[in-house]
Protein backbone atom coordinates (compact mmCIF):
# COMPACT_ATOMS: atom_id res chain seq x y z
CA MET A 1 5.17 2.28 -22.39
CA ASN A 2 3.94 3.49 -19.02
CA VAL A 3 3.45 7.13 -18.15
CA ARG A 4 2.65 8.15 -14.58
CA THR A 5 1.70 11.49 -13.16
CA GLY A 6 1.97 12.77 -9.60
CA LEU A 7 -0.88 14.39 -7.74
CA ALA A 8 -0.68 18.14 -7.46
CA GLY A 9 -2.21 19.32 -4.22
CA PRO A 10 -5.06 16.83 -3.72
CA ARG A 11 -7.87 17.68 -1.35
CA LEU A 12 -8.54 14.74 0.93
CA CYS A 13 -11.89 14.15 2.54
CA GLY A 14 -11.63 13.06 6.17
CA ALA A 15 -8.73 10.69 6.62
CA GLY A 16 -9.25 9.03 3.25
CA LEU A 17 -6.44 8.67 0.78
CA ALA A 18 -6.81 7.49 -2.81
CA LEU A 19 -3.97 7.59 -5.29
CA LEU A 20 -4.88 8.13 -8.93
CA THR A 21 -2.25 7.67 -11.61
CA ILE A 22 -2.66 7.56 -15.33
CA GLY A 23 -0.80 4.96 -17.34
CA LEU A 24 -0.74 4.62 -21.11
CA PHE A 25 -1.05 0.89 -21.74
CA VAL A 26 -1.42 0.16 -25.43
CA ARG A 27 -2.69 1.61 -28.69
CA ALA A 28 -5.10 -0.63 -30.53
CA ALA A 29 -5.65 -0.90 -34.28
CA PRO A 30 -7.18 2.15 -36.04
CA LEU A 31 -10.95 2.35 -36.18
CA SER A 32 -12.60 1.49 -39.47
CA ALA A 33 -14.67 4.67 -39.56
CA SER A 34 -14.14 8.10 -37.98
CA PRO A 35 -16.94 9.94 -36.21
CA ALA A 36 -18.19 13.16 -37.74
CA ARG A 37 -16.83 15.24 -34.87
CA ASP A 38 -13.22 15.38 -33.72
CA GLU A 39 -13.75 15.47 -29.94
CA VAL A 40 -12.04 12.84 -27.81
CA THR A 41 -14.45 10.40 -26.17
CA LEU A 42 -13.99 8.09 -23.17
CA ALA A 43 -15.50 4.65 -22.62
CA LEU A 44 -15.00 2.11 -19.83
CA LYS A 45 -13.47 -1.15 -21.10
CA GLU A 46 -13.14 -3.11 -17.85
CA LYS A 47 -12.62 -2.93 -14.11
CA VAL A 48 -9.75 -4.82 -12.52
CA ILE A 49 -9.01 -5.50 -8.84
CA LYS A 50 -5.30 -5.81 -8.07
CA ASN A 51 -3.10 -6.27 -4.99
CA LEU A 52 -6.00 -7.47 -2.84
CA SER A 53 -5.07 -8.03 0.81
CA SER A 54 -6.55 -7.49 4.26
CA SER A 55 -5.14 -3.94 4.22
CA GLY A 56 -6.67 -2.82 0.93
CA LEU A 57 -6.57 -3.08 -2.84
CA ILE A 58 -6.30 -1.21 -6.13
CA LEU A 59 -9.43 -0.78 -8.22
CA ALA A 60 -8.30 0.03 -11.78
CA PHE A 61 -10.68 1.43 -14.40
CA HIS A 62 -9.39 0.68 -17.92
CA VAL A 63 -10.66 3.44 -20.19
CA ALA A 64 -10.64 3.53 -24.00
CA VAL A 65 -9.75 7.01 -25.26
CA THR A 66 -11.02 7.47 -28.82
CA ASN A 67 -9.44 10.20 -30.95
CA PRO A 68 -11.26 10.38 -34.33
CA ALA A 69 -9.30 13.42 -35.49
CA ALA A 70 -6.49 13.35 -38.05
CA ALA A 71 -3.99 14.78 -35.56
CA SER A 72 -2.83 13.74 -32.11
CA ARG A 73 -4.36 15.08 -28.94
CA GLU A 74 -2.46 15.73 -25.72
CA LEU A 75 -3.88 15.06 -22.28
CA VAL A 76 -2.67 18.00 -20.17
CA ARG A 77 -4.78 17.94 -17.04
CA TYR A 78 -7.67 16.18 -15.34
CA ARG A 79 -9.88 16.47 -12.32
CA TYR A 80 -11.80 13.77 -10.53
CA ARG A 81 -13.90 12.95 -7.50
CA VAL A 82 -14.04 9.55 -5.83
CA ARG A 83 -17.03 8.52 -3.72
CA ILE A 84 -17.26 5.30 -1.72
CA ASP A 85 -20.77 4.17 -0.81
CA GLN A 86 -22.06 7.64 -1.71
CA ARG A 87 -19.59 9.42 0.59
CA GLU A 88 -16.81 11.59 -0.73
CA TYR A 89 -13.38 10.00 -0.44
CA ILE A 90 -11.17 12.31 -2.51
CA ASN A 91 -11.65 15.36 -4.74
CA THR A 92 -8.71 16.83 -6.63
CA ALA A 93 -7.36 18.35 -9.84
CA VAL A 94 -4.04 17.45 -11.47
CA THR A 95 -1.92 19.15 -14.12
CA LEU A 96 0.48 16.82 -15.89
CA ASP A 97 4.14 17.79 -15.92
CA MET A 98 4.48 16.04 -19.28
CA PRO A 99 1.41 15.84 -21.56
CA LEU A 100 0.27 12.36 -22.56
CA SER A 101 -0.10 11.99 -26.32
CA VAL A 102 -3.17 10.26 -27.78
CA PRO A 103 -2.47 9.23 -31.40
CA PRO A 104 -5.10 9.91 -34.08
CA GLY A 105 -7.49 7.52 -35.77
CA GLY A 106 -7.92 4.87 -33.11
CA GLU A 107 -8.21 3.93 -29.45
CA THR A 108 -5.71 4.32 -26.65
CA LEU A 109 -6.19 2.41 -23.40
CA ILE A 110 -5.61 4.38 -20.21
CA ALA A 111 -5.69 3.01 -16.65
CA LEU A 112 -7.26 4.98 -13.81
CA PRO A 113 -6.18 3.11 -10.63
CA VAL A 114 -7.74 4.06 -7.31
CA LYS A 115 -5.78 2.83 -4.29
CA ILE A 116 -8.07 1.96 -1.38
CA THR A 117 -6.72 1.38 2.13
CA TYR A 118 -9.32 -0.14 4.44
CA ASP A 119 -8.14 1.62 7.61
CA LEU A 120 -8.16 5.04 5.95
CA LEU A 121 -11.46 4.24 4.28
CA ARG A 122 -13.09 3.46 7.64
CA GLN A 123 -11.74 6.72 9.04
CA ALA A 124 -13.19 8.64 6.10
CA ILE A 125 -16.64 7.06 5.73
CA GLY A 126 -17.17 4.85 8.79
CA PRO A 127 -17.83 1.09 9.05
CA ILE A 128 -17.93 -0.93 5.83
CA ALA A 129 -19.36 -4.40 5.25
CA GLY A 130 -18.17 -7.17 2.95
CA GLN A 131 -18.13 -4.98 -0.16
CA ALA A 132 -18.46 -1.34 -1.18
CA LEU A 133 -19.25 0.73 -4.27
CA CYS A 134 -16.70 3.12 -5.76
CA ASP A 135 -17.82 5.96 -8.06
CA ILE A 136 -15.27 8.05 -9.94
CA VAL A 137 -16.46 11.15 -11.82
CA GLY A 138 -14.36 13.76 -13.60
CA ASP A 139 -13.04 15.40 -16.74
CA MET A 140 -9.93 15.04 -18.88
CA TYR A 141 -8.64 18.03 -20.82
CA PHE A 142 -6.89 17.61 -24.18
CA LEU A 143 -5.09 20.08 -26.46
CA ASN A 144 -5.73 19.86 -30.18
CA GLU A 145 -3.31 20.84 -32.94
CA ARG A 146 -4.37 24.49 -32.56
CA LYS A 147 -3.58 24.32 -28.81
CA LYS A 148 -7.25 24.70 -28.02
CA GLU A 149 -8.42 22.81 -24.96
CA GLN A 150 -11.14 20.18 -25.29
CA LYS A 151 -12.92 18.49 -22.37
CA ALA A 152 -13.97 14.85 -22.17
CA SER A 153 -16.08 13.80 -19.18
CA PHE A 154 -16.25 10.40 -17.50
CA ALA A 155 -18.32 8.70 -14.82
CA PHE A 156 -17.56 5.10 -13.86
CA SER A 157 -18.43 2.84 -10.93
CA GLY A 158 -17.35 -0.53 -9.64
CA GLU A 159 -17.76 -2.72 -6.58
CA PHE A 160 -14.83 -4.01 -4.58
CA PRO A 161 -14.52 -6.55 -1.74
CA VAL A 162 -13.50 -5.79 1.82
CA PHE A 163 -11.26 -8.78 2.49
CA ARG A 164 -10.32 -10.17 5.89
CA ASP A 165 -7.51 -12.64 6.52
CA PRO A 166 -8.48 -15.96 8.08
CA GLU A 167 -7.75 -16.17 11.80
CA VAL A 168 -6.10 -19.16 13.44
CA ASP A 169 -6.43 -20.46 16.99
CA LEU A 170 -5.77 -23.81 18.66
CA VAL A 171 -8.22 -26.15 20.34
CA PRO A 172 -6.88 -28.22 23.27
CA LEU A 173 -4.20 -30.79 22.45
CA GLU A 174 -5.47 -34.36 22.68
CA VAL A 175 -2.92 -36.64 24.41
CA VAL A 176 -3.74 -40.20 23.34
CA ASP A 177 -0.79 -41.81 25.12
CA LEU A 178 2.06 -40.50 27.27
CA THR A 179 5.23 -42.38 28.24
CA VAL A 180 8.67 -41.54 29.60
CA GLY A 181 10.06 -41.35 26.05
CA GLY A 182 7.32 -39.53 24.21
CA ALA A 183 3.67 -38.76 23.50
CA ASP A 184 1.05 -39.82 20.97
CA ILE A 185 -0.97 -36.67 20.32
CA ILE A 186 -3.56 -35.07 18.04
CA PHE A 187 -2.92 -31.40 17.23
CA ARG A 188 -5.99 -29.44 16.05
CA PRO A 189 -5.63 -25.94 14.58
CA ARG A 190 -8.84 -24.03 13.82
CA PHE A 191 -9.06 -21.67 10.83
CA LYS A 192 -11.86 -19.07 10.82
CA ASN A 193 -13.13 -17.32 7.67
CA PHE A 194 -14.94 -14.03 8.36
CA ASN A 195 -15.65 -13.30 4.69
CA GLY A 196 -19.11 -14.01 3.31
CA TYR A 197 -17.76 -16.26 0.57
CA ASP A 198 -15.79 -19.52 0.50
CA LEU A 199 -12.01 -19.36 0.40
CA ILE A 200 -10.52 -21.88 -2.00
CA VAL A 201 -7.36 -22.82 -0.10
CA GLU A 202 -4.74 -24.61 -2.19
CA ASP A 203 -1.94 -25.00 0.35
CA ILE A 204 -1.23 -24.48 4.06
CA ASP A 205 2.42 -24.89 5.02
CA PHE A 206 3.26 -24.69 8.72
CA GLU A 207 5.76 -25.06 11.54
CA LEU A 208 4.72 -26.12 15.05
CA TYR A 209 6.68 -25.34 18.21
CA PHE A 210 6.10 -26.69 21.71
CA SER A 211 7.87 -24.79 24.52
CA GLY A 212 10.10 -23.11 21.93
CA ARG A 213 11.20 -26.36 20.21
CA LEU A 214 10.21 -27.35 16.66
CA VAL A 215 8.16 -30.58 16.86
CA LEU A 216 6.44 -30.72 13.43
CA ALA A 217 6.63 -29.03 10.01
CA GLY A 218 5.03 -29.65 6.64
CA ALA A 219 1.73 -29.13 4.79
CA ILE A 220 -1.82 -29.79 5.92
CA PRO A 221 -3.29 -32.59 3.74
CA GLY A 222 -6.75 -32.99 2.26
CA ASP A 223 -9.44 -30.42 1.50
CA LYS A 224 -8.38 -27.13 3.03
CA SER A 225 -11.03 -24.75 1.67
CA LEU A 226 -12.84 -22.62 4.26
CA PRO A 227 -16.62 -22.02 4.15
CA GLY A 228 -17.96 -18.48 4.01
CA THR A 229 -18.49 -17.02 7.48
CA GLY A 230 -17.42 -20.35 8.94
CA GLU A 231 -14.52 -22.32 10.31
CA LYS A 232 -12.69 -25.62 9.89
CA ILE A 233 -10.67 -27.68 12.38
CA PHE A 234 -7.83 -29.74 10.95
CA VAL A 235 -6.72 -32.96 12.67
CA LEU A 236 -2.96 -33.63 12.73
CA PRO A 237 -1.96 -36.77 14.68
CA PHE A 238 1.75 -37.38 15.30
CA LEU A 239 4.29 -38.69 17.81
CA VAL A 240 6.57 -36.50 19.93
CA ASP A 241 9.94 -38.01 20.85
CA PHE A 242 11.19 -36.40 24.07
CA PHE A 243 14.77 -37.56 23.37
CA ASP A 244 14.74 -35.43 20.21
CA THR A 245 12.77 -32.44 21.48
CA GLY A 246 14.37 -32.07 24.92
CA GLU A 247 13.49 -31.65 28.55
CA ASP A 248 11.42 -28.45 28.08
CA VAL A 249 8.95 -30.27 25.88
CA ARG A 250 8.82 -33.35 28.15
CA SER A 251 8.18 -31.27 31.26
CA GLY A 252 5.45 -29.32 29.43
CA PHE A 253 3.39 -32.50 29.12
CA ALA A 254 3.39 -32.84 32.91
CA LYS A 255 1.43 -29.58 33.17
CA GLU A 256 -2.08 -28.52 32.22
CA GLU A 257 -0.77 -26.29 29.40
CA PHE A 258 2.47 -25.14 27.80
CA PRO A 259 3.57 -22.43 25.30
CA CYS A 260 2.77 -23.19 21.67
CA ARG A 261 3.57 -21.40 18.43
CA PHE A 262 1.87 -22.29 15.14
CA THR A 263 3.14 -20.33 12.13
CA GLY A 264 2.95 -20.66 8.35
CA ARG A 265 1.38 -19.47 5.11
CA ILE A 266 -1.94 -19.94 3.33
CA GLU A 267 -2.27 -19.90 -0.47
CA ILE A 268 -5.75 -18.99 -1.71
CA ALA A 269 -7.04 -19.06 -5.30
CA SER A 270 -9.52 -16.26 -6.01
CA VAL A 271 -11.08 -14.40 -8.91
CA TRP A 272 -8.79 -11.50 -7.98
CA GLY A 273 -5.63 -13.57 -8.31
CA GLN A 274 -3.51 -15.68 -5.98
CA LEU A 275 -3.51 -14.58 -2.33
CA VAL A 276 -0.70 -15.51 0.04
CA ILE A 277 -1.45 -14.96 3.73
CA HIS A 278 0.99 -15.47 6.58
CA PHE A 279 -0.15 -16.44 10.07
CA ASP A 280 1.66 -16.68 13.40
CA THR A 281 -0.34 -17.85 16.41
CA ASN A 282 1.15 -17.89 19.89
CA GLN A 283 -0.95 -19.18 22.77
CA ALA A 284 -0.90 -21.43 25.80
CA LEU A 285 -1.96 -24.86 24.56
CA ARG A 286 -4.17 -26.75 26.99
CA LEU A 287 -3.86 -30.53 27.26
CA GLU A 288 -6.66 -33.08 27.19
CA LYS A 289 -5.20 -36.31 28.58
CA LYS A 290 -6.99 -39.58 27.95
C-alpha cells in the first residue's frame, strides 16, 4: 500500500525545490518486547538514491516508525527542513488530508524522499562539486487513541552524487585509402567523463551519418569503461561504398571536412542502478588523408 501526501504551502529558499512525500511501505513483524513508554519513535533504516541522471536524483530516507503502544497511532502532520551543504534548501510544514495509520506493537517503514534538481540546487546554494551532503530535520505528529497529539523528532543526513553525462566529440577522420568507388577509413569518437569516478560502461549503440546519409550502425566492441575525470577514444575502421551512400557522401571526401552526425545510447552499471544516457553529436568532421 502506498500513501502520498501533497505539500501544503511550502516555503522555498532561493530557487530551490525539494518534494517530500510520505509513503507507507510495509509493516514488519511485531517486536518481541514493548518499551515502557508508549511514544512513537523514529529510526533511520537506510538511504537510497533513485532516478539518478544529469538533471538530478531522489534521495530517499527509509525510516522505521516504532509504535510500542497497544493501540494504533495516526500520523496527522509533519514539518521538516532540508539543508544542502549547510545551506537551507526548503523549510515547510504539511498537514495530511488523510491521516496515516501506524499499527501497534511493531515497526512500520516510511519513506521520506527528497527530490533534488541540480539546476535549482545551484540557484539556491551556488556551485556544487562532485557530491553534496543533505540534512533533513523535523518532527512528525501522531494522535493517540485519546486524540492527544504526540511529537516524534527526526534528524537524518546522507551524501548524494552530482552526476554529469559523458560528452562525445569526434577527432579527425583518418582516410587510409580513397578511390572512385569508396573509402577505407578509421572513425574515432572520443568520450569524456567529467565525474571523479570510473563509469562502468556495458554497451554503446550508435548510428553514424556522413552528409546526412547513414554509413554505419551497431555497437562499439571491447572495453568501453571510462576513467574518472578522463577520456577514451574508440577506433572504428570500416569501408564506405559510394555507390550505396550516394553522391553527397562521395563529394564530401573531396573536401577538407563534411557534416557528420554521431548518435546513440550509453548503458552504465552503477551502485545507484542502471543508467541509460543518450547522445547526439553534430559537427563538421575534418579529414586526415594519407
